[in-house]
Amino acid sequence: MNPMTRLCTLILSLLPVPALAYLDPGTGSMMLQVILGGVAAIGVALKLYWYRILAMLGIKKKPEAEDEAG
């Protein structure tokens, strides 16, 4: 791309343009569900890989001492 094309692209991308968009309550509800679903998915992934993450960070839980009689 030549410098003039880059400059024109930059200027046109920074100009304000009205969006003429309407967000109804259903759209807001859908966005909320996407966010909550993402948080839940991250939580489940962390729970599944928790011990691997701790081992990778070097924070491994020491196993309890076994009984000598045992």
Protein backbone atom coordinates (compact mmCIF):
# COMPACT_ATOMS: atom_id res chain seq x y z
CA MET A 1 0.00 0.00 0.00
CA ASN A 2 1.34 3.40 -0.82
CA PRO A 3 1.48 6.10 1.87
CA MET A 4 -1.38 8.13 0.36
CA THR A 5 -3.75 5.16 0.48
CA ARG A 6 -2.79 4.48 4.09
CA LEU A 7 -3.37 8.12 5.03
CA CYS A 8 -6.78 8.22 3.34
CA THR A 9 -7.79 4.94 5.00
CA LEU A 10 -6.72 6.26 8.40
CA ILE A 11 -8.59 9.55 7.98
CA LEU A 12 -11.77 7.85 6.74
CA SER A 13 -11.72 5.34 9.59
CA LEU A 14 -11.47 8.10 12.20
CA LEU A 15 -14.38 10.20 10.89
CA PRO A 16 -17.58 9.88 12.93
CA VAL A 17 -20.45 8.21 11.09
CA PRO A 18 -23.95 7.72 12.54
CA ALA A 19 -24.64 4.04 13.15
CA LEU A 20 -28.44 4.16 12.80
CA ALA A 21 -28.60 1.03 14.95
CA TYR A 22 -31.38 -0.06 17.28
CA LEU A 23 -30.69 -2.41 20.16
CA ASP A 24 -33.89 -3.94 21.48
CA PRO A 25 -34.17 -5.71 24.86
CA GLY A 26 -33.69 -9.09 23.18
CA THR A 27 -30.26 -8.02 21.94
CA GLY A 28 -29.22 -6.90 25.41
CA SER A 29 -30.44 -10.18 26.86
CA MET A 30 -28.48 -12.13 24.25
CA MET A 31 -25.28 -10.18 25.01
CA LEU A 32 -25.76 -10.86 28.72
CA GLN A 33 -26.18 -14.58 28.04
CA VAL A 34 -23.02 -14.63 25.92
CA ILE A 35 -21.02 -12.92 28.67
CA LEU A 36 -22.37 -15.18 31.43
CA GLY A 37 -21.83 -18.27 29.27
CA GLY A 38 -18.23 -17.23 28.65
CA VAL A 39 -17.63 -16.72 32.37
CA ALA A 40 -19.16 -20.14 33.11
CA ALA A 41 -17.02 -21.80 30.41
CA ILE A 42 -13.85 -20.22 31.80
CA GLY A 43 -14.82 -21.38 35.29
CA VAL A 44 -15.38 -24.97 34.14
CA ALA A 45 -12.10 -24.98 32.19
CA LEU A 46 -10.23 -23.71 35.25
CA LYS A 47 -11.83 -26.37 37.42
CA LEU A 48 -10.91 -29.12 34.97
CA TYR A 49 -7.30 -28.02 34.60
CA TRP A 50 -6.72 -26.58 38.10
CA TYR A 51 -4.06 -29.08 39.20
CA ARG A 52 -2.23 -28.79 35.88
CA ILE A 53 -2.18 -25.01 36.22
CA LEU A 54 -0.83 -25.28 39.78
CA ALA A 55 1.83 -27.76 38.67
CA MET A 56 2.85 -25.47 35.81
CA LEU A 57 3.21 -22.54 38.22
CA GLY A 58 5.13 -24.69 40.69
CA ILE A 59 2.49 -24.40 43.42
CA LYS A 60 1.89 -28.08 43.85
CA LYS A 61 -0.01 -29.18 46.92
CA LYS A 62 2.04 -31.51 49.08
CA PRO A 63 0.41 -34.92 49.56
CA GLU A 64 -0.60 -35.80 53.09
CA ALA A 65 1.87 -37.99 54.95
CA GLU A 66 0.86 -41.63 54.88
CA ASP A 67 0.61 -43.65 58.07
CA GLU A 68 3.79 -45.55 58.84
CA ALA A 69 1.77 -48.58 59.90
CA GLY A 70 -0.05 -48.52 56.76
